[in-house]
């Protein structure tokens, strides 16, 4: 399974001729015999993109539980990218949480992250809504990831690029974090999760444009590489 999914699963339409893409709104649809090889491949990509001291996904912290949804991208050599997300019912309505998205470096820059975002919004039912805002959340300390997710939102908390505060979004941020990570404290109003990434360390790089401004703000708020920001915004759908 780490090289391909075979004929047991149906691929969705791919914008790229050299990628096969599979979408599982319920990640438990992946058969038990396929799970460990796929999890090894996912952890392998994380280990390339991060400095990892231990596997991120494990049998006790599995991406194949029904609460997760999963999108997988393969080329001829095997898994090259994946996105794990959750769909939540919150007090303010529909919520989407990006649990983790990784793309192998050689495949970055081809629009896969943007494709994942579009697919997540479509598969979650967000694009079918005729009224109400969709809450869109993520946790990261990667400036590029933060900027990419914030770009699709009307408004975000914490706001790293200005001093605007939205009490409703702050409340949604606390609610979403409590639902996803019970018992893990969230420091308000900066929405800091201490020690979120104790087992993986982000590879720093040269940032440009908006990402450089986000990096400067992150460096002030969370200088410790183990800490992360938990963010929630109103998604444009």
C-alpha atoms as a PDB file:
ATOM      1  CA  UNK A   1       0.000   0.000   0.000  1.00  0.00           C
ATOM      2  CA  UNK A   2       2.908   2.368   0.572  1.00  0.00           C
ATOM      3  CA  UNK A   3       3.568   2.323  -3.207  1.00  0.00           C
ATOM      4  CA  UNK A   4      -0.008   2.312  -4.497  1.00  0.00           C
ATOM      5  CA  UNK A   5      -3.569   1.599  -3.420  1.00  0.00           C
ATOM      6  CA  UNK A   6      -4.325  -1.098  -5.973  1.00  0.00           C
ATOM      7  CA  UNK A   7      -7.804  -1.824  -7.249  1.00  0.00           C
ATOM      8  CA  UNK A   8      -9.646  -1.976  -3.919  1.00  0.00           C
ATOM      9  CA  UNK A   9     -10.096   1.790  -3.776  1.00  0.00           C
ATOM     10  CA  UNK A  10     -11.462   4.154  -6.405  1.00  0.00           C
ATOM     11  CA  UNK A  11      -9.399   7.212  -7.246  1.00  0.00           C
ATOM     12  CA  UNK A  12     -11.100  10.582  -7.652  1.00  0.00           C
ATOM     13  CA  UNK A  13     -10.577  12.891 -10.627  1.00  0.00           C
ATOM     14  CA  UNK A  14      -7.057  14.319 -10.572  1.00  0.00           C
ATOM     15  CA  UNK A  15      -6.013  17.691 -12.034  1.00  0.00           C
ATOM     16  CA  UNK A  16      -2.605  16.110 -12.724  1.00  0.00           C
ATOM     17  CA  UNK A  17      -1.962  13.275 -15.161  1.00  0.00           C
ATOM     18  CA  UNK A  18       0.930  11.930 -13.067  1.00  0.00           C
ATOM     19  CA  UNK A  19      -0.915  11.799  -9.715  1.00  0.00           C
ATOM     20  CA  UNK A  20      -3.557   9.340  -8.519  1.00  0.00           C
ATOM     21  CA  UNK A  21      -5.701  10.863  -5.752  1.00  0.00           C
ATOM     22  CA  UNK A  22      -7.880   9.070  -3.224  1.00  0.00           C
ATOM     23  CA  UNK A  23     -10.353  10.742  -0.880  1.00  0.00           C
ATOM     24  CA  UNK A  24     -11.810   9.066   2.217  1.00  0.00           C
ATOM     25  CA  UNK A  25     -14.433  11.140   4.083  1.00  0.00           C
ATOM     26  CA  UNK A  26     -14.284   8.337   6.676  1.00  0.00           C
ATOM     27  CA  UNK A  27     -10.664   7.211   7.114  1.00  0.00           C
ATOM     28  CA  UNK A  28     -11.772   3.926   8.705  1.00  0.00           C
ATOM     29  CA  UNK A  29     -12.773   2.818   5.174  1.00  0.00           C
ATOM     30  CA  UNK A  30      -9.104   1.972   4.640  1.00  0.00           C
ATOM     31  CA  UNK A  31      -8.743  -1.750   5.234  1.00  0.00           C
ATOM     32  CA  UNK A  32      -6.809  -3.001   8.244  1.00  0.00           C
ATOM     33  CA  UNK A  33      -4.160  -4.745   6.139  1.00  0.00           C
ATOM     34  CA  UNK A  34      -3.321  -1.442   4.415  1.00  0.00           C
ATOM     35  CA  UNK A  35      -3.066   0.754   7.475  1.00  0.00           C
ATOM     36  CA  UNK A  36       0.436   0.093   8.811  1.00  0.00           C
ATOM     37  CA  UNK A  37       2.194   0.451   5.414  1.00  0.00           C
ATOM     38  CA  UNK A  38       0.295   3.670   4.762  1.00  0.00           C
ATOM     39  CA  UNK A  39       1.027   5.021   8.226  1.00  0.00           C
ATOM     40  CA  UNK A  40       4.735   4.221   7.707  1.00  0.00           C
ATOM     41  CA  UNK A  41       4.653   6.158   4.419  1.00  0.00           C
ATOM     42  CA  UNK A  42       2.915   9.125   6.072  1.00  0.00           C
ATOM     43  CA  UNK A  43       5.457   9.156   8.913  1.00  0.00           C
ATOM     44  CA  UNK A  44       8.234   8.918   6.329  1.00  0.00           C
ATOM     45  CA  UNK A  45       7.091  12.146   4.676  1.00  0.00           C
ATOM     46  CA  UNK A  46       6.816  13.873   8.067  1.00  0.00           C
ATOM     47  CA  UNK A  47      10.359  12.746   8.922  1.00  0.00           C
ATOM     48  CA  UNK A  48      11.649  14.427   5.752  1.00  0.00           C
ATOM     49  CA  UNK A  49       9.745  17.691   6.286  1.00  0.00           C
ATOM     50  CA  UNK A  50      10.424  17.879  10.033  1.00  0.00           C
ATOM     51  CA  UNK A  51      13.148  16.846  12.444  1.00  0.00           C
ATOM     52  CA  UNK A  52      11.262  13.947  14.013  1.00  0.00           C
ATOM     53  CA  UNK A  53      12.390  12.041  17.104  1.00  0.00           C
ATOM     54  CA  UNK A  54       9.489   9.556  16.976  1.00  0.00           C
ATOM     55  CA  UNK A  55       6.621   8.638  14.618  1.00  0.00           C
ATOM     56  CA  UNK A  56       3.797  11.157  14.567  1.00  0.00           C
ATOM     57  CA  UNK A  57       1.033   8.681  13.646  1.00  0.00           C
ATOM     58  CA  UNK A  58       0.941   5.456  15.661  1.00  0.00           C
ATOM     59  CA  UNK A  59      -1.469   2.624  16.415  1.00  0.00           C
ATOM     60  CA  UNK A  60      -2.538   4.453  19.583  1.00  0.00           C
ATOM     61  CA  UNK A  61      -2.835   7.777  17.725  1.00  0.00           C
ATOM     62  CA  UNK A  62      -4.159   6.533  14.413  1.00  0.00           C
ATOM     63  CA  UNK A  63      -5.317   8.559  11.381  1.00  0.00           C
ATOM     64  CA  UNK A  64      -7.731   5.732  10.483  1.00  0.00           C
ATOM     65  CA  UNK A  65     -10.383   6.404  13.122  1.00  0.00           C
ATOM     66  CA  UNK A  66     -13.861   7.342  11.831  1.00  0.00           C
ATOM     67  CA  UNK A  67     -13.481  10.875  13.183  1.00  0.00           C
ATOM     68  CA  UNK A  68     -10.765  11.559  10.589  1.00  0.00           C
ATOM     69  CA  UNK A  69     -11.016  12.167   6.864  1.00  0.00           C
ATOM     70  CA  UNK A  70      -8.055  11.530   4.596  1.00  0.00           C
ATOM     71  CA  UNK A  71      -6.828  12.556   1.134  1.00  0.00           C
ATOM     72  CA  UNK A  72      -3.883  10.686  -0.414  1.00  0.00           C
ATOM     73  CA  UNK A  73      -1.776  11.544  -3.465  1.00  0.00           C
ATOM     74  CA  UNK A  74       0.366   8.941  -5.237  1.00  0.00           C
ATOM     75  CA  UNK A  75       2.741   8.963  -8.154  1.00  0.00           C
ATOM     76  CA  UNK A  76       4.517   5.955  -9.651  1.00  0.00           C
ATOM     77  CA  UNK A  77       6.966   5.744  -6.748  1.00  0.00           C
ATOM     78  CA  UNK A  78       4.396   5.794  -3.936  1.00  0.00           C
ATOM     79  CA  UNK A  79       2.753   8.251  -1.549  1.00  0.00           C
ATOM     80  CA  UNK A  80       3.922  11.819  -2.181  1.00  0.00           C
ATOM     81  CA  UNK A  81       1.398  13.881  -0.180  1.00  0.00           C
ATOM     82  CA  UNK A  82      -1.507  13.518   2.215  1.00  0.00           C
ATOM     83  CA  UNK A  83      -3.985  15.604   4.182  1.00  0.00           C
ATOM     84  CA  UNK A  84      -5.835  14.581   7.346  1.00  0.00           C
ATOM     85  CA  UNK A  85      -8.812  16.635   8.497  1.00  0.00           C
ATOM     86  CA  UNK A  86     -11.864  16.530  10.748  1.00  0.00           C
ATOM     87  CA  UNK A  87     -15.407  17.828  10.349  1.00  0.00           C
ATOM     88  CA  UNK A  88     -16.902  19.144  13.594  1.00  0.00           C
ATOM     89  CA  UNK A  89     -20.304  20.339  14.730  1.00  0.00           C
ATOM     90  CA  UNK A  90     -19.676  23.367  16.918  1.00  0.00           C
ATOM     91  CA  UNK A  91     -21.987  25.678  18.803  1.00  0.00           C
ATOM     92  CA  UNK A  92     -21.600  28.265  16.007  1.00  0.00           C
ATOM     93  CA  UNK A  93     -22.137  25.698  13.238  1.00  0.00           C
ATOM     94  CA  UNK A  94     -19.935  23.666  10.912  1.00  0.00           C
ATOM     95  CA  UNK A  95     -16.257  23.453  11.794  1.00  0.00           C
ATOM     96  CA  UNK A  96     -13.325  22.041   9.810  1.00  0.00           C
ATOM     97  CA  UNK A  97      -9.959  21.234  11.364  1.00  0.00           C
ATOM     98  CA  UNK A  98      -6.815  20.520   9.338  1.00  0.00           C
ATOM     99  CA  UNK A  99      -5.139  17.814  11.413  1.00  0.00           C
ATOM    100  CA  UNK A 100      -2.066  17.611   9.200  1.00  0.00           C
ATOM    101  CA  UNK A 101      -0.978  18.096   5.590  1.00  0.00           C
ATOM    102  CA  UNK A 102       2.422  17.077   4.227  1.00  0.00           C
ATOM    103  CA  UNK A 103       3.927  17.167   0.744  1.00  0.00           C
ATOM    104  CA  UNK A 104       7.332  15.726  -0.181  1.00  0.00           C
ATOM    105  CA  UNK A 105       9.741  18.586  -1.009  1.00  0.00           C
ATOM    106  CA  UNK A 106      10.232  17.530  -4.638  1.00  0.00           C
ATOM    107  CA  UNK A 107       6.449  17.789  -5.163  1.00  0.00           C
ATOM    108  CA  UNK A 108       5.983  21.132  -3.435  1.00  0.00           C
ATOM    109  CA  UNK A 109       5.130  24.109  -5.612  1.00  0.00           C
ATOM    110  CA  UNK A 110       2.689  22.193  -7.828  1.00  0.00           C
ATOM    111  CA  UNK A 111      -0.452  23.407  -6.058  1.00  0.00           C
ATOM    112  CA  UNK A 112      -1.124  20.326  -3.935  1.00  0.00           C
ATOM    113  CA  UNK A 113      -1.755  22.273  -0.724  1.00  0.00           C
ATOM    114  CA  UNK A 114      -4.329  24.458  -2.455  1.00  0.00           C
ATOM    115  CA  UNK A 115      -5.929  21.374  -3.999  1.00  0.00           C
ATOM    116  CA  UNK A 116      -6.191  19.769  -0.571  1.00  0.00           C
ATOM    117  CA  UNK A 117      -7.893  22.888   0.809  1.00  0.00           C
ATOM    118  CA  UNK A 118     -10.432  22.962  -2.020  1.00  0.00           C
ATOM    119  CA  UNK A 119     -11.105  19.242  -1.635  1.00  0.00           C
ATOM    120  CA  UNK A 120     -11.511  19.514   2.146  1.00  0.00           C
ATOM    121  CA  UNK A 121     -14.060  22.327   1.808  1.00  0.00           C
ATOM    122  CA  UNK A 122     -15.962  20.378  -0.865  1.00  0.00           C
ATOM    123  CA  UNK A 123     -15.958  17.006   0.889  1.00  0.00           C
ATOM    124  CA  UNK A 124     -16.934  18.515   4.247  1.00  0.00           C
ATOM    125  CA  UNK A 125     -20.067  20.055   2.732  1.00  0.00           C
ATOM    126  CA  UNK A 126     -18.839  23.605   3.343  1.00  0.00           C
ATOM    127  CA  UNK A 127     -19.259  24.639  -0.298  1.00  0.00           C
ATOM    128  CA  UNK A 128     -22.891  23.457  -0.291  1.00  0.00           C
ATOM    129  CA  UNK A 129     -23.947  25.742   2.540  1.00  0.00           C
ATOM    130  CA  UNK A 130     -26.254  28.625   1.629  1.00  0.00           C
ATOM    131  CA  UNK A 131     -25.967  30.493   4.923  1.00  0.00           C
ATOM    132  CA  UNK A 132     -23.807  30.799   7.993  1.00  0.00           C
ATOM    133  CA  UNK A 133     -20.036  30.941   8.365  1.00  0.00           C
ATOM    134  CA  UNK A 134     -17.757  27.908   8.256  1.00  0.00           C
ATOM    135  CA  UNK A 135     -15.178  27.784  11.027  1.00  0.00           C
ATOM    136  CA  UNK A 136     -11.813  26.642   9.718  1.00  0.00           C
ATOM    137  CA  UNK A 137      -9.061  25.691  12.147  1.00  0.00           C
ATOM    138  CA  UNK A 138      -5.450  24.541  12.124  1.00  0.00           C
ATOM    139  CA  UNK A 139      -2.441  24.192  14.422  1.00  0.00           C
ATOM    140  CA  UNK A 140       1.064  24.976  13.207  1.00  0.00           C
ATOM    141  CA  UNK A 141       4.328  26.767  13.750  1.00  0.00           C
ATOM    142  CA  UNK A 142       5.144  26.824  10.015  1.00  0.00           C
ATOM    143  CA  UNK A 143       4.749  30.422   8.691  1.00  0.00           C
ATOM    144  CA  UNK A 144       3.990  29.232   5.157  1.00  0.00           C
ATOM    145  CA  UNK A 145       1.209  26.916   6.358  1.00  0.00           C
ATOM    146  CA  UNK A 146      -0.252  29.626   8.593  1.00  0.00           C
ATOM    147  CA  UNK A 147      -0.243  32.181   5.766  1.00  0.00           C
ATOM    148  CA  UNK A 148      -1.786  29.719   3.274  1.00  0.00           C
ATOM    149  CA  UNK A 149      -4.657  28.863   5.615  1.00  0.00           C
ATOM    150  CA  UNK A 150      -5.241  32.457   6.721  1.00  0.00           C
ATOM    151  CA  UNK A 151      -5.450  33.503   3.070  1.00  0.00           C
ATOM    152  CA  UNK A 152      -8.714  31.596   2.551  1.00  0.00           C
ATOM    153  CA  UNK A 153     -10.324  33.150   5.632  1.00  0.00           C
ATOM    154  CA  UNK A 154     -12.266  36.391   5.998  1.00  0.00           C
ATOM    155  CA  UNK A 155     -10.896  36.844   9.507  1.00  0.00           C
ATOM    156  CA  UNK A 156      -8.548  34.841  11.750  1.00  0.00           C
ATOM    157  CA  UNK A 157      -7.629  34.561  15.403  1.00  0.00           C
ATOM    158  CA  UNK A 158      -4.959  34.999  16.539  1.00  0.00           C
ATOM    159  CA  UNK A 159      -4.405  37.792  14.064  1.00  0.00           C
ATOM    160  CA  UNK A 160      -0.664  37.828  13.357  1.00  0.00           C
ATOM    161  CA  UNK A 161      -0.740  40.631  10.794  1.00  0.00           C
ATOM    162  CA  UNK A 162      -2.753  43.245  12.717  1.00  0.00           C
ATOM    163  CA  UNK A 163      -4.143  43.809  16.189  1.00  0.00           C
ATOM    164  CA  UNK A 164      -7.773  43.002  15.372  1.00  0.00           C
ATOM    165  CA  UNK A 165      -9.538  40.795  17.928  1.00  0.00           C
ATOM    166  CA  UNK A 166     -12.765  38.905  17.278  1.00  0.00           C
ATOM    167  CA  UNK A 167     -14.369  37.642  20.511  1.00  0.00           C
ATOM    168  CA  UNK A 168     -16.567  35.139  18.637  1.00  0.00           C
ATOM    169  CA  UNK A 169     -13.557  33.640  16.887  1.00  0.00           C
ATOM    170  CA  UNK A 170     -11.628  33.537  20.146  1.00  0.00           C
ATOM    171  CA  UNK A 171     -14.483  31.583  21.740  1.00  0.00           C
ATOM    172  CA  UNK A 172     -14.600  29.243  18.721  1.00  0.00           C
ATOM    173  CA  UNK A 173     -10.856  28.725  18.961  1.00  0.00           C
ATOM    174  CA  UNK A 174     -11.101  27.693  22.605  1.00  0.00           C
ATOM    175  CA  UNK A 175     -14.096  25.429  21.882  1.00  0.00           C
ATOM    176  CA  UNK A 176     -12.420  23.700  18.935  1.00  0.00           C
ATOM    177  CA  UNK A 177      -9.179  23.171  20.826  1.00  0.00           C
ATOM    178  CA  UNK A 178     -11.011  21.744  23.837  1.00  0.00           C
ATOM    179  CA  UNK A 179     -12.930  19.349  21.582  1.00  0.00           C
ATOM    180  CA  UNK A 180      -9.841  18.139  19.714  1.00  0.00           C
ATOM    181  CA  UNK A 181      -7.280  18.171  22.505  1.00  0.00           C
ATOM    182  CA  UNK A 182      -9.119  17.751  25.820  1.00  0.00           C
ATOM    183  CA  UNK A 183      -6.988  18.672  28.787  1.00  0.00           C
ATOM    184  CA  UNK A 184      -4.477  20.623  26.693  1.00  0.00           C
ATOM    185  CA  UNK A 185      -4.411  24.255  27.830  1.00  0.00           C
ATOM    186  CA  UNK A 186      -4.665  27.055  25.287  1.00  0.00           C
ATOM    187  CA  UNK A 187      -3.188  30.435  26.191  1.00  0.00           C
ATOM    188  CA  UNK A 188      -5.622  33.216  25.310  1.00  0.00           C
ATOM    189  CA  UNK A 189      -5.519  35.642  23.484  1.00  0.00           C
ATOM    190  CA  UNK A 190      -2.385  34.493  21.623  1.00  0.00           C
ATOM    191  CA  UNK A 191      -3.805  30.943  21.273  1.00  0.00           C
ATOM    192  CA  UNK A 192      -0.531  29.244  22.144  1.00  0.00           C
ATOM    193  CA  UNK A 193      -0.324  25.476  22.688  1.00  0.00           C
ATOM    194  CA  UNK A 194       2.790  24.765  24.714  1.00  0.00           C
ATOM    195  CA  UNK A 195       4.711  21.599  23.876  1.00  0.00           C
ATOM    196  CA  UNK A 196       2.481  20.668  20.927  1.00  0.00           C
ATOM    197  CA  UNK A 197       5.485  19.645  18.846  1.00  0.00           C
ATOM    198  CA  UNK A 198       7.831  18.134  21.390  1.00  0.00           C
ATOM    199  CA  UNK A 199       8.525  15.157  19.089  1.00  0.00           C
ATOM    200  CA  UNK A 200       9.006  17.043  15.802  1.00  0.00           C
ATOM    201  CA  UNK A 201      10.871  20.243  14.978  1.00  0.00           C
ATOM    202  CA  UNK A 202      10.092  22.518  12.059  1.00  0.00           C
ATOM    203  CA  UNK A 203      12.854  23.041   9.471  1.00  0.00           C
ATOM    204  CA  UNK A 204      13.375  26.795   9.309  1.00  0.00           C
ATOM    205  CA  UNK A 205      14.008  28.379   5.922  1.00  0.00           C
ATOM    206  CA  UNK A 206      14.125  31.764   4.236  1.00  0.00           C
ATOM    207  CA  UNK A 207      10.623  33.226   4.103  1.00  0.00           C
ATOM    208  CA  UNK A 208       9.308  35.855   1.723  1.00  0.00           C
ATOM    209  CA  UNK A 209       6.266  38.111   1.471  1.00  0.00           C
ATOM    210  CA  UNK A 210       3.463  37.442   3.944  1.00  0.00           C
ATOM    211  CA  UNK A 211       5.239  34.362   5.308  1.00  0.00           C
ATOM    212  CA  UNK A 212       8.166  36.529   6.450  1.00  0.00           C
ATOM    213  CA  UNK A 213       5.782  38.762   8.432  1.00  0.00           C
ATOM    214  CA  UNK A 214       4.114  35.699   9.948  1.00  0.00           C
ATOM    215  CA  UNK A 215       7.525  34.240  10.817  1.00  0.00           C
ATOM    216  CA  UNK A 216       8.491  37.437  12.647  1.00  0.00           C
ATOM    217  CA  UNK A 217       5.253  37.340  14.645  1.00  0.00           C
ATOM    218  CA  UNK A 218       5.694  33.645  15.463  1.00  0.00           C
ATOM    219  CA  UNK A 219       9.272  34.216  16.560  1.00  0.00           C
ATOM    220  CA  UNK A 220       8.020  36.788  19.072  1.00  0.00           C
ATOM    221  CA  UNK A 221       5.069  34.757  20.335  1.00  0.00           C
ATOM    222  CA  UNK A 222       6.460  31.207  20.294  1.00  0.00           C
ATOM    223  CA  UNK A 223      10.274  31.217  20.191  1.00  0.00           C
ATOM    224  CA  UNK A 224      10.316  27.655  21.564  1.00  0.00           C
ATOM    225  CA  UNK A 225      10.204  25.225  18.606  1.00  0.00           C
ATOM    226  CA  UNK A 226       7.970  22.842  20.577  1.00  0.00           C
ATOM    227  CA  UNK A 227       5.150  25.390  20.855  1.00  0.00           C
ATOM    228  CA  UNK A 228       2.444  26.025  18.254  1.00  0.00           C
ATOM    229  CA  UNK A 229      -0.351  28.439  17.449  1.00  0.00           C
ATOM    230  CA  UNK A 230      -3.931  27.181  17.294  1.00  0.00           C
ATOM    231  CA  UNK A 231      -5.867  29.284  14.785  1.00  0.00           C
ATOM    232  CA  UNK A 232      -9.471  29.545  13.662  1.00  0.00           C
ATOM    233  CA  UNK A 233     -10.967  31.683  10.900  1.00  0.00           C
ATOM    234  CA  UNK A 234     -14.142  32.190   8.876  1.00  0.00           C
ATOM    235  CA  UNK A 235     -13.515  30.285   5.657  1.00  0.00           C
ATOM    236  CA  UNK A 236     -14.359  31.815   2.272  1.00  0.00           C
ATOM    237  CA  UNK A 237     -16.459  29.191   0.510  1.00  0.00           C
END
